[in-house]
Amino acid sequence: MMSNKKLGFKKKFDLKKKTLRTLFLHIEKDSKKGILDESQKEILEKGMVYTQMKLPVDKITKEFEDSLKDKIEHNIYNAKIREATEKDLNIVKDIYNKAWLTSNTPFRPIEKESLKTIFDDPDTVFLIAKVFGVDAGFVILDFEGKQKEYGIIAGLGILPRYQHKGLGTILGLAAWNYFKEKGLKELRCEVYKQNQKSYNFIKGLNFEEFGEQVYRKEDFELNE
């Protein structure tokens, strides 16, 4: 996933990496002020540990899709999915910042400019889910590998009032249908080790663990 140290903005910088960079910058500033809490100290010393997960496309059968759809609330099942345009970036920013407040992941607000950097990459696609006229969730998709053979779920966020109703599953289905149409072999994502809810959700979509990635402050250019 992250092959080079000092990644900075020299190459594509996906949502998670951009957010982690901002988080490490914030923690480093608090460290200099001597006001770190215990969780910040642990992140600074041990880094952020992510579980790497994958799902081969041939395991995404119609029967499995139907079994997932049976668990989704009716109004969520009828959510409308669209590919985002640049005009939608404020919407994605709003959903992201509200969604991450309820997650068990260290949080720093994201800015529109950061999302635009990600959006402008030609290998990245944003999908938005609308429920009864409300833009309620998004998923960010990326392509990686020498032949762009891997589909990456780089970020997924849902407004708190629409969480635990099946909208994440709808976005997951939309993601892998998008990738299947592109002929990809495999879907991949990373889940923060301590975010059990997200892990259970991804596991429920049939993803399997295949490794672990540790992000440390040294992986980012902090002195630009």
Protein backbone atom coordinates (compact mmCIF):
# COMPACT_ATOMS: atom_id res chain seq x y z
CA MET A 1 0.00 0.00 0.00
CA MET A 2 2.60 2.57 1.04
CA SER A 3 5.86 1.58 -0.64
CA ASN A 4 8.06 4.61 -0.02
CA LYS A 5 8.96 6.55 3.10
CA LYS A 6 8.54 10.31 3.03
CA LEU A 7 5.53 10.00 0.75
CA GLY A 8 4.25 13.56 1.09
CA PHE A 9 2.39 14.82 -1.95
CA LYS A 10 4.93 13.56 -4.49
CA LYS A 11 2.51 10.84 -5.60
CA LYS A 12 -1.16 10.09 -5.27
CA PHE A 13 -2.27 10.61 -1.66
CA ASP A 14 -5.45 8.79 -0.78
CA LEU A 15 -7.98 9.77 1.88
CA LYS A 16 -6.61 7.64 4.70
CA LYS A 17 -2.99 8.69 4.09
CA LYS A 18 -3.92 12.35 3.90
CA THR A 19 -5.93 12.07 7.11
CA LEU A 20 -3.14 10.20 8.90
CA ARG A 21 -0.62 12.80 7.82
CA THR A 22 -2.81 15.53 9.30
CA LEU A 23 -3.24 13.49 12.49
CA PHE A 24 0.51 12.98 12.92
CA LEU A 25 1.13 16.69 12.33
CA HIS A 26 -1.39 17.51 15.06
CA ILE A 27 0.13 15.00 17.49
CA GLU A 28 3.63 16.26 16.80
CA LYS A 29 2.53 19.82 17.58
CA ASP A 30 0.93 18.65 20.86
CA SER A 31 4.13 16.76 21.66
CA LYS A 32 6.18 19.93 21.34
CA LYS A 33 3.73 21.65 23.68
CA GLY A 34 3.96 18.75 26.17
CA ILE A 35 0.19 18.12 26.17
CA LEU A 36 -0.07 14.58 24.73
CA ASP A 37 -2.72 12.24 26.14
CA GLU A 38 -2.07 8.49 26.48
CA SER A 39 -3.67 7.54 23.16
CA GLN A 40 -1.56 10.12 21.33
CA LYS A 41 1.60 8.86 23.02
CA GLU A 42 0.82 5.31 21.91
CA ILE A 43 0.23 6.42 18.31
CA LEU A 44 3.45 8.43 18.30
CA GLU A 45 5.46 5.52 19.73
CA LYS A 46 3.87 2.54 17.97
CA GLY A 47 2.19 4.08 14.94
CA MET A 48 -1.27 3.43 13.55
CA VAL A 49 -1.85 -0.29 12.91
CA TYR A 50 -4.22 -1.26 10.09
CA THR A 51 -5.50 -4.73 9.16
CA GLN A 52 -5.27 -5.34 5.42
CA MET A 53 -8.26 -7.14 3.93
CA LYS A 54 -9.12 -8.49 0.49
CA LEU A 55 -12.04 -9.97 -1.44
CA PRO A 56 -11.52 -11.82 -4.74
CA VAL A 57 -14.14 -10.77 -7.26
CA ASP A 58 -15.06 -14.39 -8.02
CA LYS A 59 -16.33 -14.71 -4.43
CA ILE A 60 -18.91 -11.98 -5.03
CA THR A 61 -21.73 -14.24 -6.18
CA LYS A 62 -25.32 -13.25 -6.89
CA GLU A 63 -26.42 -15.51 -4.03
CA PHE A 64 -24.16 -13.67 -1.60
CA GLU A 65 -25.34 -10.28 -2.87
CA ASP A 66 -28.96 -11.37 -2.41
CA SER A 67 -28.23 -12.53 1.16
CA LEU A 68 -26.84 -9.09 1.97
CA LYS A 69 -29.77 -7.29 0.40
CA ASP A 70 -32.20 -9.26 2.56
CA LYS A 71 -30.70 -7.61 5.66
CA ILE A 72 -31.06 -4.03 4.41
CA GLU A 73 -33.93 -1.78 5.51
CA HIS A 74 -36.40 -1.10 2.69
CA ASN A 75 -35.84 2.66 2.45
CA ILE A 76 -32.07 2.14 2.43
CA TYR A 77 -32.38 -0.55 -0.24
CA ASN A 78 -33.82 2.12 -2.55
CA ALA A 79 -30.88 4.48 -2.05
CA LYS A 80 -29.73 6.18 -5.25
CA ILE A 81 -26.03 5.91 -6.08
CA ARG A 82 -24.28 8.49 -8.24
CA GLU A 83 -20.71 9.24 -9.22
CA ALA A 84 -19.67 12.50 -7.58
CA THR A 85 -18.52 15.60 -9.42
CA GLU A 86 -16.30 18.35 -8.07
CA LYS A 87 -19.44 20.22 -6.99
CA ASP A 88 -20.13 17.38 -4.53
CA LEU A 89 -16.90 17.77 -2.56
CA ASN A 90 -18.51 19.93 0.14
CA ILE A 91 -21.12 17.20 0.59
CA VAL A 92 -18.43 14.52 0.96
CA LYS A 93 -16.52 16.73 3.41
CA ASP A 94 -19.65 17.22 5.54
CA ILE A 95 -20.47 13.49 5.61
CA TYR A 96 -16.86 12.58 6.37
CA ASN A 97 -16.50 14.98 9.29
CA LYS A 98 -19.80 13.93 10.87
CA ALA A 99 -19.29 10.21 10.25
CA TRP A 100 -15.80 9.96 11.73
CA LEU A 101 -16.89 11.58 15.00
CA THR A 102 -18.76 8.34 15.77
CA SER A 103 -15.95 5.96 14.77
CA ASN A 104 -13.32 4.42 17.03
CA THR A 105 -10.54 6.02 14.98
CA PRO A 106 -8.41 9.05 15.89
CA PHE A 107 -10.14 11.92 14.10
CA ARG A 108 -9.06 15.17 12.50
CA PRO A 109 -11.49 17.14 10.27
CA ILE A 110 -10.76 17.00 6.55
CA GLU A 111 -10.78 20.08 4.33
CA LYS A 112 -12.25 20.45 0.87
CA GLU A 113 -8.77 21.12 -0.59
CA SER A 114 -7.58 17.72 0.66
CA LEU A 115 -10.56 15.99 -0.91
CA LYS A 116 -9.95 17.82 -4.18
CA THR A 117 -6.36 16.51 -4.28
CA ILE A 118 -7.78 12.99 -4.03
CA PHE A 119 -10.69 13.67 -6.41
CA ASP A 120 -8.38 15.03 -9.11
CA ASP A 121 -6.44 11.78 -9.35
CA PRO A 122 -7.55 9.94 -12.52
CA ASP A 123 -7.53 6.56 -10.72
CA THR A 124 -9.98 7.70 -8.04
CA VAL A 125 -13.79 7.70 -8.07
CA PHE A 126 -16.23 9.06 -5.48
CA LEU A 127 -19.71 7.50 -5.18
CA ILE A 128 -22.49 9.13 -3.15
CA ALA A 129 -25.65 7.49 -1.77
CA LYS A 130 -28.85 9.53 -1.54
CA VAL A 131 -31.69 8.35 0.72
CA PHE A 132 -35.05 10.15 0.36
CA GLY A 133 -33.39 13.27 -0.98
CA VAL A 134 -30.54 13.30 1.58
CA ASP A 135 -26.93 12.66 0.60
CA ALA A 136 -26.24 10.21 3.41
CA GLY A 137 -23.03 8.34 2.57
CA PHE A 138 -20.04 8.08 0.28
CA VAL A 139 -17.36 5.62 -0.77
CA ILE A 140 -14.03 6.48 -2.37
CA LEU A 141 -12.65 3.95 -4.84
CA ASP A 142 -9.11 3.67 -6.12
CA PHE A 143 -7.20 1.49 -8.58
CA GLU A 144 -3.80 0.02 -7.71
CA GLY A 145 -1.38 -2.59 -9.00
CA LYS A 146 0.86 -2.68 -12.08
CA GLN A 147 -2.13 -3.37 -14.31
CA LYS A 148 -4.67 -1.56 -12.11
CA GLU A 149 -5.93 -5.01 -11.16
CA TYR A 150 -6.85 -4.17 -7.55
CA GLY A 151 -9.86 -2.14 -6.52
CA ILE A 152 -9.27 -0.23 -3.28
CA ILE A 153 -11.97 1.04 -0.96
CA ALA A 154 -10.00 4.08 0.19
CA GLY A 155 -12.72 5.60 2.36
CA LEU A 156 -16.35 5.10 3.36
CA GLY A 157 -18.48 7.38 5.51
CA ILE A 158 -22.15 7.51 6.52
CA LEU A 159 -24.07 10.21 8.39
CA PRO A 160 -24.68 9.02 11.99
CA ARG A 161 -28.48 8.87 11.66
CA TYR A 162 -28.16 6.49 8.69
CA GLN A 163 -25.59 4.18 10.28
CA HIS A 164 -26.46 0.56 11.17
CA LYS A 165 -29.32 0.47 8.66
CA GLY A 166 -27.55 -1.19 5.72
CA LEU A 167 -26.35 1.87 3.81
CA GLY A 168 -22.72 0.81 4.18
CA THR A 169 -23.65 -2.51 2.60
CA ILE A 170 -25.37 -0.71 -0.28
CA LEU A 171 -22.20 1.32 -0.84
CA GLY A 172 -20.14 -1.87 -0.62
CA LEU A 173 -22.32 -3.48 -3.29
CA ALA A 174 -22.01 -0.37 -5.45
CA ALA A 175 -18.23 -0.47 -5.04
CA TRP A 176 -17.74 -4.04 -6.09
CA ASN A 177 -20.23 -3.78 -8.96
CA TYR A 178 -18.26 -0.77 -10.20
CA PHE A 179 -15.02 -2.75 -9.97
CA LYS A 180 -16.53 -5.86 -11.55
CA GLU A 181 -17.58 -3.81 -14.56
CA LYS A 182 -13.94 -2.71 -14.91
CA GLY A 183 -12.76 -6.32 -14.92
CA LEU A 184 -10.79 -6.15 -11.68
CA LYS A 185 -9.56 -9.29 -9.93
CA GLU A 186 -9.75 -8.26 -6.30
CA LEU A 187 -11.04 -5.67 -3.84
CA ARG A 188 -8.86 -4.46 -0.99
CA CYS A 189 -9.12 -2.15 2.00
CA GLU A 190 -7.48 -1.42 5.35
CA VAL A 191 -9.22 -1.18 8.72
CA TYR A 192 -7.81 0.53 11.81
CA LYS A 193 -6.93 -2.25 14.26
CA GLN A 194 -8.98 -0.79 17.12
CA ASN A 195 -12.07 -0.01 15.05
CA GLN A 196 -13.98 -3.23 15.72
CA LYS A 197 -17.24 -1.97 14.20
CA SER A 198 -15.59 -1.26 10.85
CA TYR A 199 -13.74 -4.57 10.98
CA ASN A 200 -16.98 -6.47 11.61
CA PHE A 201 -18.68 -4.60 8.75
CA ILE A 202 -15.88 -5.40 6.27
CA LYS A 203 -15.71 -9.00 7.49
CA GLY A 204 -19.47 -9.24 6.95
CA LEU A 205 -18.89 -8.35 3.29
CA ASN A 206 -16.75 -11.51 2.98
CA PHE A 207 -13.36 -9.75 3.09
CA GLU A 208 -10.44 -11.79 4.46
CA GLU A 209 -7.34 -10.63 6.32
CA PHE A 210 -4.08 -10.89 4.40
CA GLY A 211 -1.64 -8.67 6.26
CA GLU A 212 -0.98 -5.72 8.51
CA GLN A 213 0.27 -2.21 7.77
CA VAL A 214 1.77 0.12 10.37
CA TYR A 215 1.87 3.85 9.60
CA ARG A 216 4.35 5.93 11.60
CA LYS A 217 5.11 9.60 11.59
CA GLU A 218 8.36 8.87 9.73
CA ASP A 219 6.27 7.70 6.75
CA PHE A 220 5.15 11.27 6.11
CA GLU A 221 6.92 14.48 5.30
CA LEU A 222 6.26 16.48 8.43
CA ASN A 223 8.70 19.33 7.80
CA GLU A 224 7.53 20.86 4.51
